[in-house]
Amino acid sequence: MNIWIILILVMLLSMIVQGMLQSRFRKYSQVPTDNGMTGADIARKMLNDNGIYDVSVVPASGMLTDHYNPATKTVALSEGVYGSRSIAAAAVAAHECGHAVQHAMGYAPLRLRTALVPIVSFASNIVQWILLLGVLLMNVMPGMLWFGIILFATTTLFSFITLPVEINASQRAVAWLSRAGITDARTQPMAIDALKWAAYTYVIAAIGSLATLLYYIGLARRD
């Protein structure tokens, strides 16, 4: 019962955080950067300022679909960031470039997360089916549920490894934005606020994953 309460609270918190993130992004998307640089311009400048010349900045379809791909060395910026001249776009672009800087510097948590991607990708594709079969066949094949729990545990571990990666990228982003003169005393808190709410989404996701994992472990142990 306690796990169910936690799961419901996590779901509600996730909805609140997502709403606040979208609200902040819309708000700060209306605040222009003083130098008129687009998100793409800012991304390229941050990469160059950090001596990174082998990473491409490309547009991505959708909203808030921004990401850095270490395999292809590309910073993909969404429609609301790539060509936008706003503080929100500057913060998001700098954050994604923060991942490129991590990659170039061999940041350990990013290396670990990247190494786990193939395993987590495989686990994510089948874990829900394995868990479902494990619950249905609990009395016949108890090992099936534990196998599903092990698979789900890898995704939970991935969620927690993601936290320092995302937080560190945001720290690098806000520090560089100030140092490069992209933000000032008025706009720096806006960039920090936007990235703070983005970070909260990862925190909530990790807590939700852990609560779900504990639920299945409790279920298996009751058998």
N, C-alpha and C. Protein backbone atom coordinates (compact mmCIF):
# COMPACT_ATOMS: atom_id res chain seq x y z
N MET A 1 0.84 -1.21 0.00
CA MET A 1 0.00 0.00 0.00
C MET A 1 0.87 1.26 0.00
N ASN A 2 1.96 1.23 0.82
CA ASN A 2 2.84 2.40 0.88
C ASN A 2 3.49 2.67 -0.47
N ILE A 3 3.87 1.59 -1.18
CA ILE A 3 4.49 1.76 -2.50
C ILE A 3 3.50 2.37 -3.48
N TRP A 4 2.22 1.94 -3.40
CA TRP A 4 1.20 2.50 -4.28
C TRP A 4 1.02 4.00 -4.02
N ILE A 5 1.07 4.39 -2.76
CA ILE A 5 0.95 5.81 -2.42
C ILE A 5 2.12 6.59 -3.02
N ILE A 6 3.31 6.02 -2.89
CA ILE A 6 4.50 6.67 -3.45
C ILE A 6 4.39 6.79 -4.97
N LEU A 7 3.93 5.72 -5.63
CA LEU A 7 3.79 5.74 -7.08
C LEU A 7 2.78 6.79 -7.54
N ILE A 8 1.68 6.91 -6.80
CA ILE A 8 0.67 7.92 -7.15
C ILE A 8 1.23 9.33 -6.95
N LEU A 9 1.98 9.52 -5.85
CA LEU A 9 2.59 10.82 -5.59
C LEU A 9 3.62 11.17 -6.67
N VAL A 10 4.40 10.17 -7.07
CA VAL A 10 5.40 10.40 -8.12
C VAL A 10 4.72 10.79 -9.42
N MET A 11 3.61 10.12 -9.75
CA MET A 11 2.87 10.43 -10.97
C MET A 11 2.35 11.87 -10.93
N LEU A 12 1.80 12.27 -9.79
CA LEU A 12 1.30 13.64 -9.65
C LEU A 12 2.43 14.66 -9.73
N LEU A 13 3.54 14.35 -9.05
CA LEU A 13 4.69 15.26 -9.09
C LEU A 13 5.24 15.38 -10.51
N SER A 14 5.26 14.27 -11.23
CA SER A 14 5.75 14.28 -12.60
C SER A 14 4.90 15.21 -13.47
N MET A 15 3.57 15.13 -13.29
CA MET A 15 2.68 16.00 -14.06
C MET A 15 2.92 17.47 -13.71
N ILE A 16 3.12 17.75 -12.42
CA ILE A 16 3.36 19.13 -11.98
C ILE A 16 4.67 19.65 -12.54
N VAL A 17 5.72 18.84 -12.43
CA VAL A 17 7.05 19.26 -12.90
C VAL A 17 7.04 19.48 -14.41
N GLN A 18 6.40 18.57 -15.15
CA GLN A 18 6.32 18.74 -16.61
C GLN A 18 5.58 20.03 -16.97
N GLY A 19 4.51 20.29 -16.22
CA GLY A 19 3.75 21.52 -16.46
C GLY A 19 4.58 22.76 -16.17
N MET A 20 5.34 22.73 -15.06
CA MET A 20 6.18 23.86 -14.70
C MET A 20 7.31 24.05 -15.71
N LEU A 21 7.89 22.94 -16.19
CA LEU A 21 8.96 23.03 -17.18
C LEU A 21 8.45 23.68 -18.46
N GLN A 22 7.30 23.25 -18.94
CA GLN A 22 6.74 23.83 -20.16
C GLN A 22 6.37 25.29 -19.96
N SER A 23 5.86 25.60 -18.76
CA SER A 23 5.51 26.98 -18.45
C SER A 23 6.75 27.88 -18.43
N ARG A 24 7.81 27.40 -17.78
CA ARG A 24 9.05 28.18 -17.71
C ARG A 24 9.65 28.35 -19.10
N PHE A 25 9.61 27.28 -19.91
CA PHE A 25 10.18 27.37 -21.25
C PHE A 25 9.43 28.41 -22.08
N ARG A 26 8.08 28.38 -21.97
CA ARG A 26 7.29 29.38 -22.72
C ARG A 26 7.61 30.79 -22.23
N LYS A 27 7.71 30.95 -20.92
CA LYS A 27 7.98 32.27 -20.34
C LYS A 27 9.32 32.82 -20.79
N TYR A 28 10.37 32.02 -20.65
CA TYR A 28 11.71 32.50 -20.98
C TYR A 28 11.98 32.50 -22.48
N SER A 29 11.09 31.87 -23.24
CA SER A 29 11.19 31.94 -24.69
C SER A 29 10.79 33.32 -25.20
N GLN A 30 10.12 34.09 -24.33
CA GLN A 30 9.72 35.45 -24.69
C GLN A 30 10.77 36.49 -24.31
N VAL A 31 11.84 36.03 -23.63
CA VAL A 31 12.90 36.95 -23.20
C VAL A 31 14.09 36.81 -24.15
N PRO A 32 14.39 37.84 -24.95
CA PRO A 32 15.47 37.71 -25.94
C PRO A 32 16.86 37.84 -25.30
N THR A 33 17.83 37.21 -25.94
CA THR A 33 19.22 37.41 -25.52
C THR A 33 19.66 38.80 -25.99
N ASP A 34 20.55 39.40 -25.24
CA ASP A 34 20.99 40.77 -25.57
C ASP A 34 21.77 40.83 -26.88
N ASN A 35 22.48 39.75 -27.22
CA ASN A 35 23.32 39.78 -28.43
C ASN A 35 22.60 39.25 -29.67
N GLY A 36 21.36 38.77 -29.51
CA GLY A 36 20.60 38.30 -30.66
C GLY A 36 21.05 36.98 -31.24
N MET A 37 21.87 36.22 -30.51
CA MET A 37 22.34 34.93 -31.01
C MET A 37 21.24 33.88 -30.90
N THR A 38 21.17 33.00 -31.88
CA THR A 38 20.20 31.91 -31.84
C THR A 38 20.75 30.76 -30.98
N GLY A 39 19.89 29.80 -30.71
CA GLY A 39 20.33 28.63 -29.96
C GLY A 39 21.48 27.92 -30.68
N ALA A 40 21.37 27.82 -32.00
CA ALA A 40 22.43 27.18 -32.79
C ALA A 40 23.74 27.96 -32.70
N ASP A 41 23.65 29.29 -32.76
CA ASP A 41 24.84 30.14 -32.65
C ASP A 41 25.53 29.93 -31.30
N ILE A 42 24.71 29.90 -30.26
CA ILE A 42 25.23 29.74 -28.90
C ILE A 42 25.88 28.38 -28.74
N ALA A 43 25.26 27.35 -29.30
CA ALA A 43 25.83 26.00 -29.21
C ALA A 43 27.20 25.95 -29.88
N ARG A 44 27.29 26.51 -31.06
CA ARG A 44 28.58 26.48 -31.78
C ARG A 44 29.65 27.28 -31.04
N LYS A 45 29.24 28.41 -30.44
CA LYS A 45 30.20 29.22 -29.69
C LYS A 45 30.70 28.48 -28.45
N MET A 46 29.79 27.83 -27.74
CA MET A 46 30.21 27.10 -26.54
C MET A 46 31.15 25.96 -26.90
N LEU A 47 30.85 25.26 -27.98
CA LEU A 47 31.73 24.18 -28.42
C LEU A 47 33.11 24.72 -28.77
N ASN A 48 33.13 25.80 -29.54
CA ASN A 48 34.41 26.39 -29.95
C ASN A 48 35.20 26.92 -28.76
N ASP A 49 34.49 27.55 -27.81
CA ASP A 49 35.15 28.10 -26.63
C ASP A 49 35.80 27.00 -25.79
N ASN A 50 35.26 25.78 -25.92
CA ASN A 50 35.82 24.65 -25.18
C ASN A 50 36.75 23.79 -26.03
N GLY A 51 37.12 24.33 -27.20
CA GLY A 51 38.06 23.64 -28.06
C GLY A 51 37.50 22.40 -28.73
N ILE A 52 36.18 22.37 -28.91
CA ILE A 52 35.53 21.22 -29.54
C ILE A 52 35.10 21.62 -30.96
N TYR A 53 35.71 20.99 -31.95
CA TYR A 53 35.44 21.35 -33.34
C TYR A 53 34.90 20.19 -34.17
N ASP A 54 34.76 19.02 -33.54
CA ASP A 54 34.30 17.85 -34.29
C ASP A 54 32.86 17.46 -33.94
N VAL A 55 32.11 18.37 -33.32
CA VAL A 55 30.71 18.12 -32.97
C VAL A 55 29.82 19.02 -33.82
N SER A 56 28.83 18.44 -34.47
CA SER A 56 27.92 19.19 -35.33
C SER A 56 26.69 19.64 -34.54
N VAL A 57 26.15 20.78 -34.91
CA VAL A 57 24.90 21.29 -34.33
C VAL A 57 23.84 21.19 -35.41
N VAL A 58 22.81 20.39 -35.14
CA VAL A 58 21.79 20.12 -36.17
C VAL A 58 20.39 20.37 -35.61
N PRO A 59 19.43 20.68 -36.47
CA PRO A 59 18.04 20.86 -36.01
C PRO A 59 17.37 19.50 -35.78
N ALA A 60 16.43 19.48 -34.84
CA ALA A 60 15.64 18.27 -34.57
C ALA A 60 14.17 18.64 -34.57
N SER A 61 13.34 17.75 -35.05
CA SER A 61 11.90 18.02 -35.08
C SER A 61 11.31 17.87 -33.69
N GLY A 62 10.19 18.54 -33.45
CA GLY A 62 9.49 18.44 -32.18
C GLY A 62 9.90 19.52 -31.20
N MET A 63 9.25 19.49 -30.04
CA MET A 63 9.55 20.46 -28.98
C MET A 63 10.22 19.74 -27.81
N LEU A 64 11.23 20.38 -27.24
CA LEU A 64 11.98 19.83 -26.11
C LEU A 64 12.53 18.44 -26.44
N THR A 65 12.99 18.27 -27.67
CA THR A 65 13.58 17.01 -28.10
C THR A 65 15.11 17.15 -28.20
N ASP A 66 15.64 18.17 -27.56
CA ASP A 66 17.07 18.46 -27.63
C ASP A 66 17.88 17.33 -26.98
N HIS A 67 19.01 17.00 -27.59
CA HIS A 67 19.86 15.97 -27.02
C HIS A 67 21.24 16.01 -27.66
N TYR A 68 22.18 15.38 -26.95
CA TYR A 68 23.53 15.20 -27.50
C TYR A 68 23.74 13.72 -27.74
N ASN A 69 24.21 13.37 -28.94
CA ASN A 69 24.47 11.98 -29.29
C ASN A 69 25.98 11.76 -29.35
N PRO A 70 26.54 11.08 -28.34
CA PRO A 70 27.99 10.89 -28.33
C PRO A 70 28.48 9.96 -29.44
N ALA A 71 27.60 9.10 -29.94
CA ALA A 71 28.00 8.16 -31.00
C ALA A 71 28.25 8.89 -32.32
N THR A 72 27.40 9.88 -32.62
CA THR A 72 27.53 10.63 -33.88
C THR A 72 28.15 12.01 -33.67
N LYS A 73 28.39 12.34 -32.42
CA LYS A 73 28.93 13.66 -32.05
C LYS A 73 28.10 14.79 -32.66
N THR A 74 26.83 14.76 -32.33
CA THR A 74 25.92 15.81 -32.79
C THR A 74 25.12 16.37 -31.62
N VAL A 75 24.96 17.68 -31.62
CA VAL A 75 24.06 18.35 -30.69
C VAL A 75 22.80 18.66 -31.50
N ALA A 76 21.71 18.01 -31.16
CA ALA A 76 20.44 18.20 -31.88
C ALA A 76 19.57 19.16 -31.07
N LEU A 77 19.15 20.24 -31.70
CA LEU A 77 18.34 21.26 -31.02
C LEU A 77 16.94 21.29 -31.64
N SER A 78 15.94 21.33 -30.79
CA SER A 78 14.54 21.28 -31.24
C SER A 78 14.13 22.57 -31.94
N GLU A 79 12.94 22.53 -32.49
CA GLU A 79 12.42 23.66 -33.28
C GLU A 79 12.34 24.95 -32.47
N GLY A 80 12.04 24.82 -31.18
CA GLY A 80 11.92 26.01 -30.35
C GLY A 80 13.24 26.51 -29.80
N VAL A 81 14.34 25.85 -30.16
CA VAL A 81 15.66 26.22 -29.65
C VAL A 81 16.62 26.60 -30.77
N TYR A 82 16.67 25.80 -31.82
CA TYR A 82 17.67 25.96 -32.87
C TYR A 82 17.72 27.39 -33.43
N GLY A 83 16.58 27.92 -33.83
CA GLY A 83 16.57 29.25 -34.44
C GLY A 83 16.08 30.35 -33.53
N SER A 84 15.83 30.02 -32.28
CA SER A 84 15.27 31.00 -31.33
C SER A 84 16.37 31.87 -30.72
N ARG A 85 16.06 33.14 -30.50
CA ARG A 85 17.01 34.07 -29.89
C ARG A 85 16.58 34.41 -28.46
N SER A 86 16.20 33.40 -27.72
CA SER A 86 15.68 33.61 -26.37
C SER A 86 16.60 33.04 -25.30
N ILE A 87 16.34 33.44 -24.06
CA ILE A 87 17.10 32.92 -22.93
C ILE A 87 16.84 31.44 -22.75
N ALA A 88 15.60 31.00 -22.98
CA ALA A 88 15.29 29.58 -22.87
C ALA A 88 16.12 28.77 -23.86
N ALA A 89 16.18 29.27 -25.09
CA ALA A 89 16.96 28.58 -26.12
C ALA A 89 18.45 28.55 -25.77
N ALA A 90 18.94 29.66 -25.24
CA ALA A 90 20.35 29.74 -24.84
C ALA A 90 20.66 28.72 -23.76
N ALA A 91 19.77 28.60 -22.77
CA ALA A 91 20.00 27.67 -21.65
C ALA A 91 20.00 26.23 -22.14
N VAL A 92 19.02 25.89 -22.97
CA VAL A 92 18.91 24.50 -23.48
C VAL A 92 20.10 24.16 -24.38
N ALA A 93 20.45 25.07 -25.27
CA ALA A 93 21.57 24.82 -26.17
C ALA A 93 22.87 24.64 -25.40
N ALA A 94 23.09 25.49 -24.41
CA ALA A 94 24.31 25.38 -23.60
C ALA A 94 24.32 24.09 -22.79
N HIS A 95 23.15 23.68 -22.31
CA HIS A 95 23.06 22.42 -21.55
C HIS A 95 23.47 21.24 -22.42
N GLU A 96 22.95 21.17 -23.63
CA GLU A 96 23.29 20.04 -24.51
C GLU A 96 24.77 20.07 -24.87
N CYS A 97 25.31 21.25 -25.03
CA CYS A 97 26.75 21.35 -25.29
C CYS A 97 27.56 20.97 -24.05
N GLY A 98 26.94 21.13 -22.89
CA GLY A 98 27.59 20.67 -21.66
C GLY A 98 27.87 19.18 -21.73
N HIS A 99 26.98 18.42 -22.36
CA HIS A 99 27.21 16.98 -22.55
C HIS A 99 28.38 16.74 -23.50
N ALA A 100 28.48 17.56 -24.54
CA ALA A 100 29.60 17.43 -25.47
C ALA A 100 30.93 17.70 -24.76
N VAL A 101 30.91 18.68 -23.87
CA VAL A 101 32.12 18.98 -23.09
C VAL A 101 32.45 17.80 -22.17
N GLN A 102 31.43 17.23 -21.54
CA GLN A 102 31.65 16.05 -20.71
C GLN A 102 32.30 14.93 -21.52
N HIS A 103 31.78 14.73 -22.72
CA HIS A 103 32.30 13.67 -23.59
C HIS A 103 33.76 13.93 -23.93
N ALA A 104 34.07 15.15 -24.27
CA ALA A 104 35.44 15.50 -24.65
C ALA A 104 36.41 15.34 -23.48
N MET A 105 35.92 15.59 -22.27
CA MET A 105 36.76 15.51 -21.08
C MET A 105 36.76 14.12 -20.45
N GLY A 106 35.98 13.19 -20.99
CA GLY A 106 35.93 11.84 -20.44
C GLY A 106 35.25 11.79 -19.09
N TYR A 107 34.20 12.58 -18.92
CA TYR A 107 33.45 12.62 -17.65
C TYR A 107 32.93 11.23 -17.32
N ALA A 108 33.33 10.68 -16.18
CA ALA A 108 33.08 9.28 -15.84
C ALA A 108 31.60 8.88 -15.85
N PRO A 109 30.70 9.65 -15.21
CA PRO A 109 29.28 9.24 -15.24
C PRO A 109 28.71 9.18 -16.65
N LEU A 110 29.15 10.07 -17.55
CA LEU A 110 28.66 10.02 -18.93
C LEU A 110 29.20 8.77 -19.63
N ARG A 111 30.46 8.42 -19.38
CA ARG A 111 31.02 7.21 -19.97
C ARG A 111 30.24 5.98 -19.51
N LEU A 112 29.91 5.96 -18.22
CA LEU A 112 29.16 4.82 -17.68
C LEU A 112 27.76 4.76 -18.28
N ARG A 113 27.10 5.91 -18.38
CA ARG A 113 25.75 5.94 -18.95
C ARG A 113 25.78 5.50 -20.41
N THR A 114 26.77 5.96 -21.16
CA THR A 114 26.88 5.57 -22.57
C THR A 114 27.11 4.07 -22.72
N ALA A 115 27.92 3.51 -21.82
CA ALA A 115 28.19 2.07 -21.86
C ALA A 115 26.95 1.25 -21.56
N LEU A 116 26.05 1.82 -20.74
CA LEU A 116 24.84 1.10 -20.36
C LEU A 116 23.73 1.19 -21.40
N VAL A 117 23.84 2.12 -22.34
CA VAL A 117 22.75 2.35 -23.30
C VAL A 117 22.32 1.08 -24.03
N PRO A 118 23.23 0.26 -24.60
CA PRO A 118 22.77 -0.95 -25.30
C PRO A 118 22.02 -1.91 -24.38
N ILE A 119 22.50 -2.06 -23.14
CA ILE A 119 21.86 -2.98 -22.19
C ILE A 119 20.47 -2.47 -21.83
N VAL A 120 20.40 -1.17 -21.52
CA VAL A 120 19.12 -0.56 -21.11
C VAL A 120 18.13 -0.58 -22.27
N SER A 121 18.65 -0.37 -23.48
CA SER A 121 17.79 -0.39 -24.67
C SER A 121 17.15 -1.76 -24.83
N PHE A 122 17.96 -2.80 -24.67
CA PHE A 122 17.46 -4.17 -24.76
C PHE A 122 16.45 -4.44 -23.64
N ALA A 123 16.82 -4.07 -22.42
CA ALA A 123 15.94 -4.33 -21.26
C ALA A 123 14.61 -3.60 -21.40
N SER A 124 14.65 -2.37 -21.87
CA SER A 124 13.42 -1.57 -21.99
C SER A 124 12.44 -2.16 -22.98
N ASN A 125 12.96 -2.84 -24.01
CA ASN A 125 12.09 -3.39 -25.05
C ASN A 125 11.30 -4.61 -24.58
N ILE A 126 11.82 -5.32 -23.59
CA ILE A 126 11.16 -6.58 -23.19
C ILE A 126 10.74 -6.63 -21.73
N VAL A 127 11.20 -5.66 -20.92
CA VAL A 127 11.00 -5.80 -19.47
C VAL A 127 9.53 -5.83 -19.07
N GLN A 128 8.68 -5.02 -19.70
CA GLN A 128 7.27 -5.00 -19.30
C GLN A 128 6.60 -6.34 -19.58
N TRP A 129 6.97 -6.98 -20.70
CA TRP A 129 6.40 -8.29 -21.03
C TRP A 129 6.90 -9.36 -20.06
N ILE A 130 8.18 -9.29 -19.71
CA ILE A 130 8.74 -10.26 -18.77
C ILE A 130 8.10 -10.11 -17.39
N LEU A 131 7.92 -8.87 -16.96
CA LEU A 131 7.29 -8.63 -15.66
C LEU A 131 5.84 -9.11 -15.66
N LEU A 132 5.13 -8.86 -16.75
CA LEU A 132 3.74 -9.30 -16.85
C LEU A 132 3.66 -10.83 -16.78
N LEU A 133 4.51 -11.50 -17.54
CA LEU A 133 4.53 -12.96 -17.50
C LEU A 133 4.94 -13.46 -16.11
N GLY A 134 5.89 -12.74 -15.51
CA GLY A 134 6.35 -13.12 -14.18
C GLY A 134 5.25 -13.05 -13.15
N VAL A 135 4.41 -12.02 -13.23
CA VAL A 135 3.28 -11.88 -12.30
C VAL A 135 2.24 -12.96 -12.56
N LEU A 136 1.92 -13.21 -13.85
CA LEU A 136 0.90 -14.20 -14.20
C LEU A 136 1.34 -15.63 -13.85
N LEU A 137 2.66 -15.87 -13.99
CA LEU A 137 3.18 -17.22 -13.75
C LEU A 137 3.97 -17.32 -12.45
N MET A 138 3.63 -16.43 -11.52
CA MET A 138 4.40 -16.33 -10.28
C MET A 138 4.49 -17.66 -9.53
N ASN A 139 3.39 -18.40 -9.49
CA ASN A 139 3.36 -19.66 -8.74
C ASN A 139 3.96 -20.83 -9.51
N VAL A 140 4.07 -20.65 -10.83
CA VAL A 140 4.60 -21.73 -11.67
C VAL A 140 6.08 -21.53 -11.97
N MET A 141 6.42 -20.26 -12.34
CA MET A 141 7.81 -19.93 -12.69
C MET A 141 8.25 -18.68 -11.94
N PRO A 142 8.53 -18.80 -10.64
CA PRO A 142 8.91 -17.63 -9.85
C PRO A 142 10.17 -16.94 -10.37
N GLY A 143 11.03 -17.71 -11.05
CA GLY A 143 12.25 -17.11 -11.58
C GLY A 143 12.01 -16.09 -12.66
N MET A 144 10.87 -16.22 -13.37
CA MET A 144 10.54 -15.28 -14.43
C MET A 144 10.39 -13.86 -13.89
N LEU A 145 9.71 -13.72 -12.76
CA LEU A 145 9.52 -12.40 -12.17
C LEU A 145 10.85 -11.81 -11.71
N TRP A 146 11.71 -12.64 -11.13
CA TRP A 146 13.01 -12.13 -10.69
C TRP A 146 13.88 -11.73 -11.88
N PHE A 147 13.74 -12.44 -12.98
CA PHE A 147 14.47 -12.05 -14.20
C PHE A 147 14.01 -10.67 -14.66
N GLY A 148 12.68 -10.46 -14.63
CA GLY A 148 12.14 -9.15 -14.99
C GLY A 148 12.61 -8.06 -14.05
N ILE A 149 12.72 -8.40 -12.77
CA ILE A 149 13.20 -7.43 -11.77
C ILE A 149 14.64 -7.03 -12.05
N ILE A 150 15.46 -8.01 -12.43
CA ILE A 150 16.87 -7.72 -12.75
C ILE A 150 16.95 -6.80 -13.97
N LEU A 151 16.13 -7.08 -14.97
CA LEU A 151 16.11 -6.22 -16.16
C LEU A 151 15.67 -4.81 -15.79
N PHE A 152 14.61 -4.72 -14.98
CA PHE A 152 14.10 -3.40 -14.60
C PHE A 152 15.13 -2.65 -13.74
N ALA A 153 15.89 -3.39 -12.94
CA ALA A 153 16.91 -2.77 -12.10
C ALA A 153 17.96 -2.05 -12.93
N THR A 154 18.25 -2.57 -14.13
CA THR A 154 19.23 -1.89 -15.00
C THR A 154 18.70 -0.54 -15.46
N THR A 155 17.39 -0.46 -15.72
CA THR A 155 16.82 0.82 -16.13
C THR A 155 16.77 1.80 -14.96
N THR A 156 16.55 1.27 -13.76
CA THR A 156 16.58 2.12 -12.56
C THR A 156 17.98 2.67 -12.32
N LEU A 157 18.97 1.79 -12.45
CA LEU A 157 20.36 2.22 -12.30
C LEU A 157 20.69 3.31 -13.32
N PHE A 158 20.23 3.12 -14.54
CA PHE A 158 20.46 4.10 -15.60
C PHE A 158 19.86 5.45 -15.23
N SER A 159 18.66 5.43 -14.63
CA SER A 159 18.00 6.67 -14.23
C SER A 159 18.82 7.43 -13.21
N PHE A 160 19.42 6.70 -12.26
CA PHE A 160 20.19 7.38 -11.22
C PHE A 160 21.55 7.83 -11.71
N ILE A 161 22.15 7.10 -12.66
CA ILE A 161 23.41 7.54 -13.25
C ILE A 161 23.19 8.79 -14.09
N THR A 162 21.99 8.90 -14.66
CA THR A 162 21.65 10.07 -15.48
C THR A 162 21.64 11.36 -14.66
N LEU A 163 21.28 11.28 -13.38
CA LEU A 163 21.15 12.49 -12.55
C LEU A 163 22.43 13.32 -12.52
N PRO A 164 23.59 12.77 -12.11
CA PRO A 164 24.80 13.61 -12.10
C PRO A 164 25.20 14.09 -13.48
N VAL A 165 24.89 13.30 -14.51
CA VAL A 165 25.23 13.70 -15.88
C VAL A 165 24.45 14.96 -16.27
N GLU A 166 23.16 14.96 -15.97
CA GLU A 166 22.31 16.11 -16.33
C GLU A 166 22.61 17.33 -15.46
N ILE A 167 22.79 17.11 -14.18
CA ILE A 167 23.06 18.24 -13.26
C ILE A 167 24.39 18.89 -13.60
N ASN A 168 25.40 18.06 -13.87
CA ASN A 168 26.71 18.60 -14.22
C ASN A 168 26.67 19.37 -15.53
N ALA A 169 25.91 18.87 -16.51
CA ALA A 169 25.79 19.58 -17.79
C ALA A 169 25.15 20.95 -17.60
N SER A 170 24.15 21.02 -16.72
CA SER A 170 23.50 22.31 -16.44
C SER A 170 24.46 23.26 -15.73
N GLN A 171 25.25 22.73 -14.80
CA GLN A 171 26.23 23.57 -14.10
C GLN A 171 27.25 24.14 -15.08
N ARG A 172 27.71 23.31 -15.98
CA ARG A 172 28.65 23.79 -17.00
C ARG A 172 28.00 24.85 -17.88
N ALA A 173 26.71 24.63 -18.20
CA ALA A 173 25.99 25.54 -19.08
C ALA A 173 25.86 26.93 -18.47
N VAL A 174 25.35 26.99 -17.23
CA VAL A 174 25.10 28.31 -16.61
C VAL A 174 26.41 29.04 -16.34
N ALA A 175 27.46 28.29 -16.00
CA ALA A 175 28.76 28.94 -15.76
C ALA A 175 29.29 29.55 -17.06
N TRP A 176 29.19 28.79 -18.15
CA TRP A 176 29.68 29.31 -19.43
C TRP A 176 28.84 30.47 -19.93
N LEU A 177 27.52 30.39 -19.79
CA LEU A 177 26.64 31.47 -20.25
C LEU A 177 27.02 32.80 -19.60
N SER A 178 27.33 32.75 -18.32
CA SER A 178 27.73 33.97 -17.60
C SER A 178 29.12 34.41 -18.05
N ARG A 179 30.03 33.46 -18.13
CA ARG A 179 31.42 33.77 -18.50
C ARG A 179 31.51 34.34 -19.92
N ALA A 180 30.66 33.83 -20.81
CA ALA A 180 30.70 34.27 -22.21
C ALA A 180 29.90 35.55 -22.44
N GLY A 181 29.22 36.01 -21.40
CA GLY A 181 28.44 37.24 -21.54
C GLY A 181 27.11 37.04 -22.25
N ILE A 182 26.67 35.79 -22.37
CA ILE A 182 25.37 35.53 -23.00
C ILE A 182 24.25 35.95 -22.06
N THR A 183 24.46 35.70 -20.76
CA THR A 183 23.48 36.13 -19.75
C THR A 183 24.13 37.17 -18.84
N ASP A 184 23.28 37.95 -18.17
CA ASP A 184 23.77 38.95 -17.21
C ASP A 184 23.03 38.77 -15.90
N ALA A 185 23.15 39.77 -15.04
CA ALA A 185 22.53 39.67 -13.71
C ALA A 185 21.02 39.50 -13.79
N ARG A 186 20.41 40.01 -14.86
CA ARG A 186 18.95 39.91 -15.01
C ARG A 186 18.53 38.56 -15.59
N THR A 187 19.29 38.07 -16.57
CA THR A 187 18.85 36.87 -17.28
C THR A 187 19.48 35.57 -16.77
N GLN A 188 20.59 35.67 -16.02
CA GLN A 188 21.22 34.45 -15.51
C GLN A 188 20.26 33.64 -14.62
N PRO A 189 19.52 34.29 -13.70
CA PRO A 189 18.57 33.50 -12.89
C PRO A 189 17.50 32.81 -13.73
N MET A 190 17.14 33.40 -14.87
CA MET A 190 16.15 32.77 -15.75
C MET A 190 16.70 31.47 -16.34
N ALA A 191 17.94 31.52 -16.79
CA ALA A 191 18.57 30.32 -17.35
C ALA A 191 18.69 29.24 -16.29
N ILE A 192 19.07 29.63 -15.09
CA ILE A 192 19.19 28.67 -13.99
C ILE A 192 17.84 28.06 -13.67
N ASP A 193 16.81 28.88 -13.64
CA ASP A 193 15.46 28.40 -13.31
C ASP A 193 14.96 27.41 -14.36
N ALA A 194 15.18 27.72 -15.63
CA ALA A 194 14.72 26.83 -16.70
C ALA A 194 15.40 25.47 -16.61
N LEU A 195 16.71 25.46 -16.37
CA LEU A 195 17.44 24.20 -16.29
C LEU A 195 17.13 23.46 -14.99
N LYS A 196 16.79 24.20 -13.95
CA LYS A 196 16.43 23.56 -12.67
C LYS A 196 15.19 22.69 -12.84
N TRP A 197 14.18 23.22 -13.52
CA TRP A 197 12.95 22.44 -13.72
C TRP A 197 13.18 21.27 -14.66
N ALA A 198 14.08 21.42 -15.60
CA ALA A 198 14.43 20.30 -16.47
C ALA A 198 15.08 19.19 -15.66
N ALA A 199 15.95 19.57 -14.72
CA ALA A 199 16.62 18.59 -13.86
C ALA A 199 15.63 17.86 -12.98
N TYR A 200 14.60 18.56 -12.52
CA TYR A 200 13.60 17.93 -11.66
C TYR A 200 12.92 16.76 -12.36
N THR A 201 12.76 16.85 -13.68
CA THR A 201 12.09 15.76 -14.40
C THR A 201 12.90 14.47 -14.28
N TYR A 202 14.22 14.59 -14.28
CA TYR A 202 15.08 13.40 -14.14
C TYR A 202 15.04 12.86 -12.72
N VAL A 203 14.95 13.76 -11.75
CA VAL A 203 14.86 13.33 -10.35
C VAL A 203 13.58 12.54 -10.12
N ILE A 204 12.47 13.07 -10.61
CA ILE A 204 11.18 12.40 -10.45
C ILE A 204 11.18 11.06 -11.17
N ALA A 205 11.77 11.01 -12.35
CA ALA A 205 11.82 9.76 -13.11
C ALA A 205 12.61 8.70 -12.36
N ALA A 206 13.72 9.10 -11.75
CA ALA A 206 14.54 8.15 -10.99
C ALA A 206 13.80 7.63 -9.77
N ILE A 207 13.12 8.52 -9.06
CA ILE A 207 12.36 8.11 -7.88
C ILE A 207 11.23 7.17 -8.28
N GLY A 208 10.54 7.50 -9.37
CA GLY A 208 9.45 6.65 -9.86
C GLY A 208 9.95 5.27 -10.25
N SER A 209 11.11 5.22 -10.89
CA SER A 209 11.68 3.94 -11.30
C SER A 209 12.05 3.10 -10.08
N LEU A 210 12.63 3.74 -9.07
CA LEU A 210 13.00 3.03 -7.85
C LEU A 210 11.76 2.50 -7.12
N ALA A 211 10.71 3.33 -7.04
CA ALA A 211 9.48 2.91 -6.37
C ALA A 211 8.85 1.71 -7.09
N THR A 212 8.88 1.74 -8.41
CA THR A 212 8.34 0.62 -9.19
C THR A 212 9.16 -0.65 -8.98
N LEU A 213 10.47 -0.49 -8.94
CA LEU A 213 11.35 -1.62 -8.69
C LEU A 213 11.06 -2.25 -7.33
N LEU A 214 10.90 -1.42 -6.31
CA LEU A 214 10.60 -1.92 -4.96
C LEU A 214 9.25 -2.61 -4.91
N TYR A 215 8.31 -2.11 -5.70
CA TYR A 215 6.98 -2.75 -5.76
C TYR A 215 7.11 -4.19 -6.27
N TYR A 216 7.84 -4.37 -7.36
CA TYR A 216 7.98 -5.71 -7.92
C TYR A 216 8.80 -6.63 -7.01
N ILE A 217 9.81 -6.07 -6.35
CA ILE A 217 10.58 -6.88 -5.40
C ILE A 217 9.68 -7.35 -4.25
N GLY A 218 8.84 -6.45 -3.75
CA GLY A 218 7.90 -6.81 -2.69
C GLY A 218 6.93 -7.89 -3.15
N LEU A 219 6.49 -7.77 -4.40
CA LEU A 219 5.57 -8.75 -4.97
C LEU A 219 6.24 -10.13 -5.05
N ALA A 220 7.48 -10.15 -5.50
CA ALA A 220 8.20 -11.42 -5.64
C ALA A 220 8.49 -12.05 -4.28
N ARG A 221 8.76 -11.24 -3.30
CA ARG A 221 9.10 -11.77 -1.97
C ARG A 221 7.89 -12.29 -1.22
N ARG A 222 6.72 -11.88 -1.64
CA ARG A 222 5.47 -12.37 -0.99
C ARG A 222 5.12 -13.77 -1.47
N ASP A 223 5.75 -14.16 -2.56
CA ASP A 223 5.42 -15.48 -3.12
C ASP A 223 5.88 -16.59 -2.16
